[in-house]
Amino acid sequence: MEPLCRIRDILRSINDFESQFHEKHGISLNEGMLLCTISKMGRCSSGRIAEVLGITSSNASKVIVSAEKKGFIERIVGKEDRRQMHFIMTDKGHKKVESFKSDSREILSVIERIKEM
């Protein structure tokens, strides 16, 4: 199989997983990755979130606002620099991350399919 066709198949698998993830959890894959990141790191700035997720600052801002509106994260003002905003998980956000754990097998299955391509 040509490498370009393999890339197309990989992207299709990831897009299919993202659609299923959104349907099951009611959030985008980027929102899920945001919640996992904040869950692991504790409080994070928007710049750090963009860096870790590998997305632009503008896109990170959209994902943050969406997760904030859904009640999964909240803003806190920086202690040393009050101009700095940080984001932390809410109880609702922690519960949502816990719900992802049931997807572990499905995620591993997608990864295995990609490896076989």
C-alpha atoms as a PDB file:
ATOM      1  CA  MET A   1       0.000   0.000   0.000  1.00  0.00           C
ATOM      2  CA  GLU A   2       1.282   3.441  -0.852  1.00  0.00           C
ATOM      3  CA  PRO A   3       2.356   5.596   2.117  1.00  0.00           C
ATOM      4  CA  LEU A   4      -0.135   8.309   1.183  1.00  0.00           C
ATOM      5  CA  CYS A   5      -2.989   5.801   1.229  1.00  0.00           C
ATOM      6  CA  ARG A   6      -1.802   4.537   4.610  1.00  0.00           C
ATOM      7  CA  ILE A   7      -1.897   8.079   5.990  1.00  0.00           C
ATOM      8  CA  ARG A   8      -5.439   8.484   4.665  1.00  0.00           C
ATOM      9  CA  ASP A   9      -6.478   5.250   6.410  1.00  0.00           C
ATOM     10  CA  ILE A  10      -4.826   6.346   9.668  1.00  0.00           C
ATOM     11  CA  LEU A  11      -6.617   9.711   9.560  1.00  0.00           C
ATOM     12  CA  ARG A  12      -9.906   7.973   8.821  1.00  0.00           C
ATOM     13  CA  SER A  13      -9.439   5.701  11.857  1.00  0.00           C
ATOM     14  CA  ILE A  14      -8.664   8.673  14.089  1.00  0.00           C
ATOM     15  CA  ASN A  15     -11.643  10.645  12.739  1.00  0.00           C
ATOM     16  CA  ASP A  16     -13.935   7.655  13.307  1.00  0.00           C
ATOM     17  CA  PHE A  17     -12.675   7.343  16.879  1.00  0.00           C
ATOM     18  CA  GLU A  18     -13.148  11.083  17.451  1.00  0.00           C
ATOM     19  CA  SER A  19     -16.756  10.897  16.226  1.00  0.00           C
ATOM     20  CA  GLN A  20     -17.488   7.923  18.489  1.00  0.00           C
ATOM     21  CA  PHE A  21     -15.799   9.659  21.424  1.00  0.00           C
ATOM     22  CA  HIS A  22     -17.901  12.800  20.899  1.00  0.00           C
ATOM     23  CA  GLU A  23     -21.095  10.783  20.597  1.00  0.00           C
ATOM     24  CA  LYS A  24     -20.354   8.780  23.758  1.00  0.00           C
ATOM     25  CA  HIS A  25     -19.012  11.561  26.005  1.00  0.00           C
ATOM     26  CA  GLY A  26     -20.541  14.729  24.552  1.00  0.00           C
ATOM     27  CA  ILE A  27     -17.174  16.458  24.201  1.00  0.00           C
ATOM     28  CA  SER A  28     -14.571  16.755  21.473  1.00  0.00           C
ATOM     29  CA  LEU A  29     -11.316  14.821  21.514  1.00  0.00           C
ATOM     30  CA  ASN A  30      -9.452  18.107  22.132  1.00  0.00           C
ATOM     31  CA  GLU A  31     -11.662  18.766  25.159  1.00  0.00           C
ATOM     32  CA  GLY A  32     -10.928  15.258  26.408  1.00  0.00           C
ATOM     33  CA  MET A  33      -7.190  15.786  25.966  1.00  0.00           C
ATOM     34  CA  LEU A  34      -7.499  19.146  27.748  1.00  0.00           C
ATOM     35  CA  LEU A  35      -9.173  17.471  30.723  1.00  0.00           C
ATOM     36  CA  CYS A  36      -6.548  14.718  30.835  1.00  0.00           C
ATOM     37  CA  THR A  37      -3.771  17.324  30.711  1.00  0.00           C
ATOM     38  CA  ILE A  38      -5.171  19.462  33.524  1.00  0.00           C
ATOM     39  CA  SER A  39      -5.963  16.330  35.531  1.00  0.00           C
ATOM     40  CA  LYS A  40      -2.318  15.217  35.336  1.00  0.00           C
ATOM     41  CA  MET A  41      -0.634  18.605  35.673  1.00  0.00           C
ATOM     42  CA  GLY A  42      -2.921  20.394  38.105  1.00  0.00           C
ATOM     43  CA  ARG A  43      -3.324  24.051  37.260  1.00  0.00           C
ATOM     44  CA  CYS A  44      -2.211  25.116  33.789  1.00  0.00           C
ATOM     45  CA  SER A  45      -1.962  28.327  31.807  1.00  0.00           C
ATOM     46  CA  SER A  46      -3.563  28.528  28.375  1.00  0.00           C
ATOM     47  CA  GLY A  47      -0.115  28.747  26.776  1.00  0.00           C
ATOM     48  CA  ARG A  48       1.010  25.552  28.477  1.00  0.00           C
ATOM     49  CA  ILE A  49      -2.215  23.816  27.449  1.00  0.00           C
ATOM     50  CA  ALA A  50      -1.662  24.815  23.797  1.00  0.00           C
ATOM     51  CA  GLU A  51       1.918  23.564  23.972  1.00  0.00           C
ATOM     52  CA  VAL A  52       1.041  20.201  25.532  1.00  0.00           C
ATOM     53  CA  LEU A  53      -1.910  19.573  23.199  1.00  0.00           C
ATOM     54  CA  GLY A  54       0.065  20.686  20.146  1.00  0.00           C
ATOM     55  CA  ILE A  55      -2.553  23.201  19.036  1.00  0.00           C
ATOM     56  CA  THR A  56      -2.483  26.945  18.403  1.00  0.00           C
ATOM     57  CA  SER A  57      -3.185  29.417  21.202  1.00  0.00           C
ATOM     58  CA  SER A  58      -6.364  30.446  19.399  1.00  0.00           C
ATOM     59  CA  ASN A  59      -7.591  26.860  19.173  1.00  0.00           C
ATOM     60  CA  ALA A  60      -6.623  26.221  22.812  1.00  0.00           C
ATOM     61  CA  SER A  61      -8.686  29.247  23.826  1.00  0.00           C
ATOM     62  CA  LYS A  62     -11.752  27.831  22.047  1.00  0.00           C
ATOM     63  CA  VAL A  63     -11.316  24.419  23.686  1.00  0.00           C
ATOM     64  CA  ILE A  64     -10.819  26.025  27.114  1.00  0.00           C
ATOM     65  CA  VAL A  65     -13.936  28.200  26.767  1.00  0.00           C
ATOM     66  CA  SER A  66     -16.007  25.199  25.699  1.00  0.00           C
ATOM     67  CA  ALA A  67     -14.811  23.041  28.622  1.00  0.00           C
ATOM     68  CA  GLU A  68     -15.343  25.956  30.989  1.00  0.00           C
ATOM     69  CA  LYS A  69     -18.930  26.509  29.770  1.00  0.00           C
ATOM     70  CA  LYS A  70     -19.633  22.809  30.352  1.00  0.00           C
ATOM     71  CA  GLY A  71     -18.390  23.148  33.929  1.00  0.00           C
ATOM     72  CA  PHE A  72     -15.360  20.836  33.601  1.00  0.00           C
ATOM     73  CA  ILE A  73     -12.719  23.471  34.397  1.00  0.00           C
ATOM     74  CA  GLU A  74     -12.565  26.857  36.059  1.00  0.00           C
ATOM     75  CA  ARG A  75     -10.290  29.884  35.872  1.00  0.00           C
ATOM     76  CA  ILE A  76      -8.183  31.053  38.764  1.00  0.00           C
ATOM     77  CA  VAL A  77      -6.082  34.189  38.971  1.00  0.00           C
ATOM     78  CA  GLY A  78      -2.320  33.721  39.336  1.00  0.00           C
ATOM     79  CA  LYS A  79      -1.043  34.175  42.886  1.00  0.00           C
ATOM     80  CA  GLU A  80       2.184  35.970  41.984  1.00  0.00           C
ATOM     81  CA  ASP A  81       0.995  37.706  38.825  1.00  0.00           C
ATOM     82  CA  ARG A  82      -2.689  38.586  38.962  1.00  0.00           C
ATOM     83  CA  ARG A  83      -2.698  39.129  35.188  1.00  0.00           C
ATOM     84  CA  GLN A  84      -1.976  35.420  34.673  1.00  0.00           C
ATOM     85  CA  MET A  85      -4.925  33.025  34.351  1.00  0.00           C
ATOM     86  CA  HIS A  86      -4.688  29.358  35.234  1.00  0.00           C
ATOM     87  CA  PHE A  87      -7.200  26.587  34.759  1.00  0.00           C
ATOM     88  CA  ILE A  88      -8.067  23.821  37.203  1.00  0.00           C
ATOM     89  CA  MET A  89     -10.409  20.838  37.161  1.00  0.00           C
ATOM     90  CA  THR A  90     -13.812  20.905  38.794  1.00  0.00           C
ATOM     91  CA  ASP A  91     -15.397  17.850  40.402  1.00  0.00           C
ATOM     92  CA  LYS A  92     -17.483  17.479  37.244  1.00  0.00           C
ATOM     93  CA  GLY A  93     -14.271  17.507  35.189  1.00  0.00           C
ATOM     94  CA  HIS A  94     -12.680  14.812  37.360  1.00  0.00           C
ATOM     95  CA  LYS A  95     -15.798  12.647  36.936  1.00  0.00           C
ATOM     96  CA  LYS A  96     -15.645  13.095  33.169  1.00  0.00           C
ATOM     97  CA  VAL A  97     -11.987  11.982  33.103  1.00  0.00           C
ATOM     98  CA  GLU A  98     -12.940   8.905  35.143  1.00  0.00           C
ATOM     99  CA  SER A  99     -15.538   8.062  32.495  1.00  0.00           C
ATOM    100  CA  PHE A 100     -12.757   7.904  29.866  1.00  0.00           C
ATOM    101  CA  LYS A 101     -11.103   4.965  31.616  1.00  0.00           C
ATOM    102  CA  SER A 102     -13.720   2.639  30.172  1.00  0.00           C
ATOM    103  CA  ASP A 103     -12.445   3.609  26.708  1.00  0.00           C
ATOM    104  CA  SER A 104      -8.951   2.185  27.289  1.00  0.00           C
ATOM    105  CA  ARG A 105      -9.587  -1.004  25.317  1.00  0.00           C
ATOM    106  CA  GLU A 106     -11.178   0.902  22.468  1.00  0.00           C
ATOM    107  CA  ILE A 107      -8.239   3.320  22.308  1.00  0.00           C
ATOM    108  CA  LEU A 108      -5.742   0.450  22.324  1.00  0.00           C
ATOM    109  CA  SER A 109      -7.732  -1.207  19.537  1.00  0.00           C
ATOM    110  CA  VAL A 110      -7.472   1.949  17.400  1.00  0.00           C
ATOM    111  CA  ILE A 111      -3.731   2.118  18.064  1.00  0.00           C
ATOM    112  CA  GLU A 112      -3.292  -1.543  17.086  1.00  0.00           C
ATOM    113  CA  ARG A 113      -5.250  -0.999  13.849  1.00  0.00           C
ATOM    114  CA  ILE A 114      -3.038   1.969  13.029  1.00  0.00           C
ATOM    115  CA  LYS A 115       0.120  -0.048  13.696  1.00  0.00           C
ATOM    116  CA  GLU A 116      -1.101  -2.730  11.287  1.00  0.00           C
ATOM    117  CA  MET A 117      -1.677  -0.244   8.451  1.00  0.00           C
END
